[in-house]
Amino acid sequence: MAQAAQSQHGLLSYLDTDGKSHPIQNILAVSTLVIGVIAFVTAQFTGLHLLSSWAGLIGMITGAWGQLISATTAERFLLIIGLGASAVGFYLGMAHGGLFGGLLG
């Protein structure tokens, strides 16, 4: 019964809804969300297409890997939001100039 009385304290403890600690999955979920927000916000500016397209690509890869190893629904929720924002940022960045945007040719 001592386990029931313990409360988890930590910044990401609300993602561990099954009572077990998942530090790698939590970090992937939060980083995908942050990268997705960066990609989405920078995609609104055409001059930042390099940042938005690369951040979107990295966010989609991170989110896909996080979905493969996620353990709880809360982690999956953050991953899907981050994946969506990353995809929008990636596609708008590609439409505005792409991953290399004239740097190579």
N, C-alpha and C. Protein backbone atom coordinates (compact mmCIF):
# COMPACT_ATOMS: atom_id res chain seq x y z
N MET A 1 0.80 -1.20 0.00
CA MET A 1 0.00 0.00 0.00
C MET A 1 0.84 1.26 0.00
N ALA A 2 2.11 1.12 0.22
CA ALA A 2 2.98 2.30 0.22
C ALA A 2 3.07 2.90 -1.17
N GLN A 3 2.94 2.06 -2.20
CA GLN A 3 3.01 2.57 -3.55
C GLN A 3 1.80 3.45 -3.87
N ALA A 4 0.66 3.11 -3.32
CA ALA A 4 -0.54 3.89 -3.59
C ALA A 4 -0.46 5.26 -2.93
N ALA A 5 0.24 5.37 -1.84
CA ALA A 5 0.34 6.64 -1.13
C ALA A 5 1.39 7.55 -1.75
N GLN A 6 2.32 6.98 -2.53
CA GLN A 6 3.35 7.81 -3.15
C GLN A 6 2.76 8.59 -4.32
N SER A 7 3.15 9.83 -4.40
CA SER A 7 2.76 10.62 -5.56
C SER A 7 4.01 10.97 -6.34
N GLN A 8 3.88 10.91 -7.63
CA GLN A 8 5.02 11.22 -8.48
C GLN A 8 5.16 12.73 -8.60
N HIS A 9 6.37 13.18 -8.46
CA HIS A 9 6.65 14.60 -8.62
C HIS A 9 7.63 14.76 -9.75
N GLY A 10 7.32 15.62 -10.63
CA GLY A 10 8.21 15.87 -11.74
C GLY A 10 7.47 16.62 -12.83
N LEU A 11 8.26 17.17 -13.69
CA LEU A 11 7.70 17.98 -14.76
C LEU A 11 6.87 17.15 -15.74
N LEU A 12 7.32 15.94 -16.02
CA LEU A 12 6.64 15.09 -17.00
C LEU A 12 5.87 13.94 -16.37
N SER A 13 5.60 14.00 -15.08
CA SER A 13 4.95 12.87 -14.43
C SER A 13 3.51 12.67 -14.88
N TYR A 14 2.86 13.68 -15.41
CA TYR A 14 1.48 13.51 -15.87
C TYR A 14 1.40 12.64 -17.12
N LEU A 15 2.53 12.42 -17.81
CA LEU A 15 2.53 11.55 -18.98
C LEU A 15 2.59 10.07 -18.59
N ASP A 16 3.00 9.79 -17.37
CA ASP A 16 3.14 8.41 -16.91
C ASP A 16 1.84 7.96 -16.25
N THR A 17 0.81 7.77 -17.04
CA THR A 17 -0.51 7.43 -16.50
C THR A 17 -0.61 5.99 -16.03
N ASP A 18 0.35 5.15 -16.40
CA ASP A 18 0.32 3.76 -15.94
C ASP A 18 1.09 3.55 -14.65
N GLY A 19 1.65 4.61 -14.09
CA GLY A 19 2.36 4.51 -12.83
C GLY A 19 3.83 4.17 -12.96
N LYS A 20 4.29 3.89 -14.15
CA LYS A 20 5.69 3.58 -14.37
C LYS A 20 6.37 4.76 -15.02
N SER A 21 7.66 4.87 -14.82
CA SER A 21 8.42 5.95 -15.40
C SER A 21 8.88 5.59 -16.81
N HIS A 22 8.67 6.51 -17.75
CA HIS A 22 9.09 6.33 -19.14
C HIS A 22 9.86 7.57 -19.57
N PRO A 23 11.10 7.74 -19.14
CA PRO A 23 11.80 9.00 -19.44
C PRO A 23 12.10 9.20 -20.92
N ILE A 24 12.48 8.16 -21.63
CA ILE A 24 12.81 8.32 -23.05
C ILE A 24 11.56 8.65 -23.85
N GLN A 25 10.47 7.96 -23.58
CA GLN A 25 9.23 8.23 -24.30
C GLN A 25 8.70 9.63 -24.00
N ASN A 26 8.83 10.06 -22.74
CA ASN A 26 8.38 11.40 -22.38
C ASN A 26 9.21 12.48 -23.07
N ILE A 27 10.51 12.27 -23.13
CA ILE A 27 11.38 13.25 -23.78
C ILE A 27 11.08 13.31 -25.28
N LEU A 28 10.84 12.15 -25.90
CA LEU A 28 10.47 12.15 -27.32
C LEU A 28 9.15 12.87 -27.57
N ALA A 29 8.19 12.67 -26.69
CA ALA A 29 6.89 13.32 -26.87
C ALA A 29 7.00 14.83 -26.73
N VAL A 30 7.69 15.29 -25.72
CA VAL A 30 7.80 16.73 -25.51
C VAL A 30 8.68 17.37 -26.58
N SER A 31 9.76 16.71 -26.97
CA SER A 31 10.62 17.29 -28.00
C SER A 31 9.91 17.33 -29.36
N THR A 32 9.11 16.33 -29.66
CA THR A 32 8.32 16.36 -30.91
C THR A 32 7.34 17.52 -30.89
N LEU A 33 6.72 17.75 -29.75
CA LEU A 33 5.78 18.86 -29.64
C LEU A 33 6.49 20.21 -29.80
N VAL A 34 7.65 20.37 -29.17
CA VAL A 34 8.39 21.64 -29.27
C VAL A 34 8.90 21.87 -30.69
N ILE A 35 9.45 20.83 -31.30
CA ILE A 35 9.95 20.95 -32.67
C ILE A 35 8.79 21.23 -33.62
N GLY A 36 7.64 20.60 -33.38
CA GLY A 36 6.46 20.85 -34.22
C GLY A 36 5.98 22.29 -34.12
N VAL A 37 5.99 22.84 -32.92
CA VAL A 37 5.58 24.24 -32.76
C VAL A 37 6.56 25.16 -33.48
N ILE A 38 7.86 24.87 -33.37
CA ILE A 38 8.86 25.68 -34.07
C ILE A 38 8.64 25.61 -35.59
N ALA A 39 8.42 24.40 -36.10
CA ALA A 39 8.20 24.23 -37.53
C ALA A 39 6.93 24.94 -37.99
N PHE A 40 5.88 24.83 -37.21
CA PHE A 40 4.61 25.45 -37.58
C PHE A 40 4.70 26.97 -37.57
N VAL A 41 5.32 27.53 -36.55
CA VAL A 41 5.41 28.99 -36.44
C VAL A 41 6.32 29.56 -37.51
N THR A 42 7.47 28.93 -37.73
CA THR A 42 8.40 29.46 -38.74
C THR A 42 7.90 29.25 -40.15
N ALA A 43 6.96 28.35 -40.36
CA ALA A 43 6.41 28.14 -41.70
C ALA A 43 5.53 29.30 -42.13
N GLN A 44 5.11 30.13 -41.20
CA GLN A 44 4.27 31.27 -41.54
C GLN A 44 5.07 32.40 -42.22
N PHE A 45 6.39 32.31 -42.15
CA PHE A 45 7.26 33.32 -42.74
C PHE A 45 8.04 32.68 -43.88
N THR A 46 7.90 33.21 -45.08
CA THR A 46 8.51 32.58 -46.25
C THR A 46 10.03 32.60 -46.19
N GLY A 47 10.61 33.57 -45.54
CA GLY A 47 12.07 33.65 -45.47
C GLY A 47 12.69 32.62 -44.54
N LEU A 48 11.88 31.99 -43.72
CA LEU A 48 12.38 30.98 -42.79
C LEU A 48 12.09 29.56 -43.26
N HIS A 49 12.03 29.37 -44.58
CA HIS A 49 11.66 28.06 -45.11
C HIS A 49 12.70 26.99 -44.79
N LEU A 50 13.97 27.38 -44.67
CA LEU A 50 14.98 26.38 -44.32
C LEU A 50 14.74 25.83 -42.91
N LEU A 51 14.49 26.73 -41.97
CA LEU A 51 14.24 26.30 -40.60
C LEU A 51 12.96 25.49 -40.49
N SER A 52 11.90 25.95 -41.14
CA SER A 52 10.62 25.24 -41.02
C SER A 52 10.66 23.87 -41.68
N SER A 53 11.30 23.77 -42.84
CA SER A 53 11.33 22.47 -43.51
C SER A 53 12.22 21.48 -42.76
N TRP A 54 13.38 21.92 -42.29
CA TRP A 54 14.24 21.00 -41.55
C TRP A 54 13.66 20.63 -40.19
N ALA A 55 13.09 21.62 -39.49
CA ALA A 55 12.46 21.31 -38.21
C ALA A 55 11.27 20.38 -38.40
N GLY A 56 10.50 20.60 -39.46
CA GLY A 56 9.38 19.71 -39.74
C GLY A 56 9.81 18.29 -40.04
N LEU A 57 10.88 18.15 -40.80
CA LEU A 57 11.39 16.81 -41.12
C LEU A 57 11.89 16.11 -39.86
N ILE A 58 12.65 16.81 -39.05
CA ILE A 58 13.16 16.23 -37.80
C ILE A 58 12.01 15.90 -36.86
N GLY A 59 11.01 16.78 -36.80
CA GLY A 59 9.85 16.52 -35.95
C GLY A 59 9.04 15.32 -36.39
N MET A 60 8.92 15.13 -37.70
CA MET A 60 8.18 13.96 -38.19
C MET A 60 8.93 12.67 -37.89
N ILE A 61 10.24 12.68 -38.04
CA ILE A 61 11.04 11.49 -37.73
C ILE A 61 10.99 11.18 -36.23
N THR A 62 11.16 12.22 -35.42
CA THR A 62 11.12 12.04 -33.97
C THR A 62 9.74 11.55 -33.52
N GLY A 63 8.70 12.13 -34.08
CA GLY A 63 7.35 11.73 -33.72
C GLY A 63 7.01 10.31 -34.15
N ALA A 64 7.49 9.92 -35.32
CA ALA A 64 7.24 8.54 -35.77
C ALA A 64 7.95 7.54 -34.87
N TRP A 65 9.17 7.85 -34.49
CA TRP A 65 9.90 6.95 -33.58
C TRP A 65 9.22 6.93 -32.21
N GLY A 66 8.76 8.08 -31.76
CA GLY A 66 8.06 8.14 -30.48
C GLY A 66 6.77 7.34 -30.50
N GLN A 67 6.06 7.35 -31.62
CA GLN A 67 4.84 6.55 -31.72
C GLN A 67 5.15 5.06 -31.63
N LEU A 68 6.28 4.67 -32.18
CA LEU A 68 6.65 3.25 -32.14
C LEU A 68 6.91 2.76 -30.72
N ILE A 69 7.50 3.62 -29.88
CA ILE A 69 7.89 3.16 -28.55
C ILE A 69 7.05 3.76 -27.43
N SER A 70 6.00 4.51 -27.75
CA SER A 70 5.20 5.15 -26.71
C SER A 70 4.48 4.10 -25.87
N ALA A 71 4.25 4.47 -24.60
CA ALA A 71 3.67 3.52 -23.67
C ALA A 71 2.29 3.94 -23.16
N THR A 72 2.01 5.23 -23.15
CA THR A 72 0.74 5.69 -22.60
C THR A 72 -0.01 6.56 -23.61
N THR A 73 -1.28 6.74 -23.34
CA THR A 73 -2.12 7.55 -24.21
C THR A 73 -1.72 9.02 -24.16
N ALA A 74 -1.31 9.50 -23.01
CA ALA A 74 -0.89 10.90 -22.89
C ALA A 74 0.32 11.18 -23.76
N GLU A 75 1.26 10.25 -23.82
CA GLU A 75 2.42 10.41 -24.70
C GLU A 75 1.98 10.44 -26.16
N ARG A 76 1.08 9.55 -26.51
CA ARG A 76 0.60 9.49 -27.90
C ARG A 76 -0.15 10.75 -28.29
N PHE A 77 -0.87 11.33 -27.35
CA PHE A 77 -1.59 12.58 -27.61
C PHE A 77 -0.62 13.69 -27.99
N LEU A 78 0.42 13.88 -27.19
CA LEU A 78 1.42 14.91 -27.49
C LEU A 78 2.14 14.61 -28.80
N LEU A 79 2.41 13.34 -29.05
CA LEU A 79 3.11 12.96 -30.28
C LEU A 79 2.28 13.28 -31.52
N ILE A 80 0.99 13.04 -31.47
CA ILE A 80 0.14 13.31 -32.63
C ILE A 80 0.02 14.81 -32.88
N ILE A 81 -0.09 15.60 -31.82
CA ILE A 81 -0.15 17.05 -31.99
C ILE A 81 1.17 17.55 -32.58
N GLY A 82 2.30 17.06 -32.07
CA GLY A 82 3.60 17.46 -32.59
C GLY A 82 3.84 16.98 -34.01
N LEU A 83 3.38 15.77 -34.32
CA LEU A 83 3.51 15.26 -35.69
C LEU A 83 2.71 16.10 -36.67
N GLY A 84 1.51 16.47 -36.30
CA GLY A 84 0.69 17.30 -37.18
C GLY A 84 1.31 18.67 -37.43
N ALA A 85 1.79 19.29 -36.36
CA ALA A 85 2.42 20.60 -36.51
C ALA A 85 3.71 20.50 -37.32
N SER A 86 4.46 19.43 -37.11
CA SER A 86 5.69 19.23 -37.88
C SER A 86 5.39 19.02 -39.35
N ALA A 87 4.37 18.26 -39.64
CA ALA A 87 4.01 18.00 -41.04
C ALA A 87 3.56 19.27 -41.74
N VAL A 88 2.76 20.08 -41.07
CA VAL A 88 2.32 21.35 -41.67
C VAL A 88 3.53 22.25 -41.90
N GLY A 89 4.42 22.34 -40.91
CA GLY A 89 5.62 23.15 -41.07
C GLY A 89 6.52 22.64 -42.18
N PHE A 90 6.65 21.33 -42.27
CA PHE A 90 7.48 20.74 -43.32
C PHE A 90 6.92 21.03 -44.70
N TYR A 91 5.64 20.80 -44.88
CA TYR A 91 5.05 20.98 -46.21
C TYR A 91 5.01 22.45 -46.62
N LEU A 92 4.73 23.35 -45.70
CA LEU A 92 4.77 24.77 -46.04
C LEU A 92 6.19 25.24 -46.29
N GLY A 93 7.15 24.71 -45.53
CA GLY A 93 8.55 25.03 -45.79
C GLY A 93 9.00 24.53 -47.15
N MET A 94 8.54 23.36 -47.54
CA MET A 94 8.87 22.85 -48.87
C MET A 94 8.22 23.70 -49.96
N ALA A 95 7.02 24.18 -49.71
CA ALA A 95 6.35 25.02 -50.70
C ALA A 95 7.02 26.39 -50.83
N HIS A 96 7.64 26.86 -49.76
CA HIS A 96 8.27 28.18 -49.78
C HIS A 96 9.71 28.16 -50.29
N GLY A 97 10.30 26.98 -50.44
CA GLY A 97 11.66 26.97 -50.94
C GLY A 97 12.42 25.67 -50.72
N GLY A 98 11.90 24.83 -49.87
CA GLY A 98 12.49 23.51 -49.71
C GLY A 98 13.59 23.42 -48.66
N LEU A 99 14.19 22.24 -48.62
CA LEU A 99 15.22 21.93 -47.63
C LEU A 99 16.53 22.66 -47.88
N PHE A 100 16.82 22.91 -49.14
CA PHE A 100 18.09 23.57 -49.48
C PHE A 100 17.88 24.96 -50.06
N GLY A 101 16.74 25.22 -50.62
CA GLY A 101 16.32 26.54 -51.02
C GLY A 101 17.30 27.39 -51.78
N GLY A 102 17.93 26.85 -52.79
CA GLY A 102 18.86 27.61 -53.60
C GLY A 102 20.29 27.62 -53.08
N LEU A 103 20.53 26.93 -51.98
CA LEU A 103 21.89 26.89 -51.44
C LEU A 103 22.81 25.98 -52.25
N LEU A 104 22.23 24.99 -52.91
CA LEU A 104 23.04 24.04 -53.67
C LEU A 104 23.06 24.34 -55.17
N GLY A 105 22.15 25.11 -55.65
CA GLY A 105 22.14 25.29 -57.09
C GLY A 105 21.65 26.55 -57.57
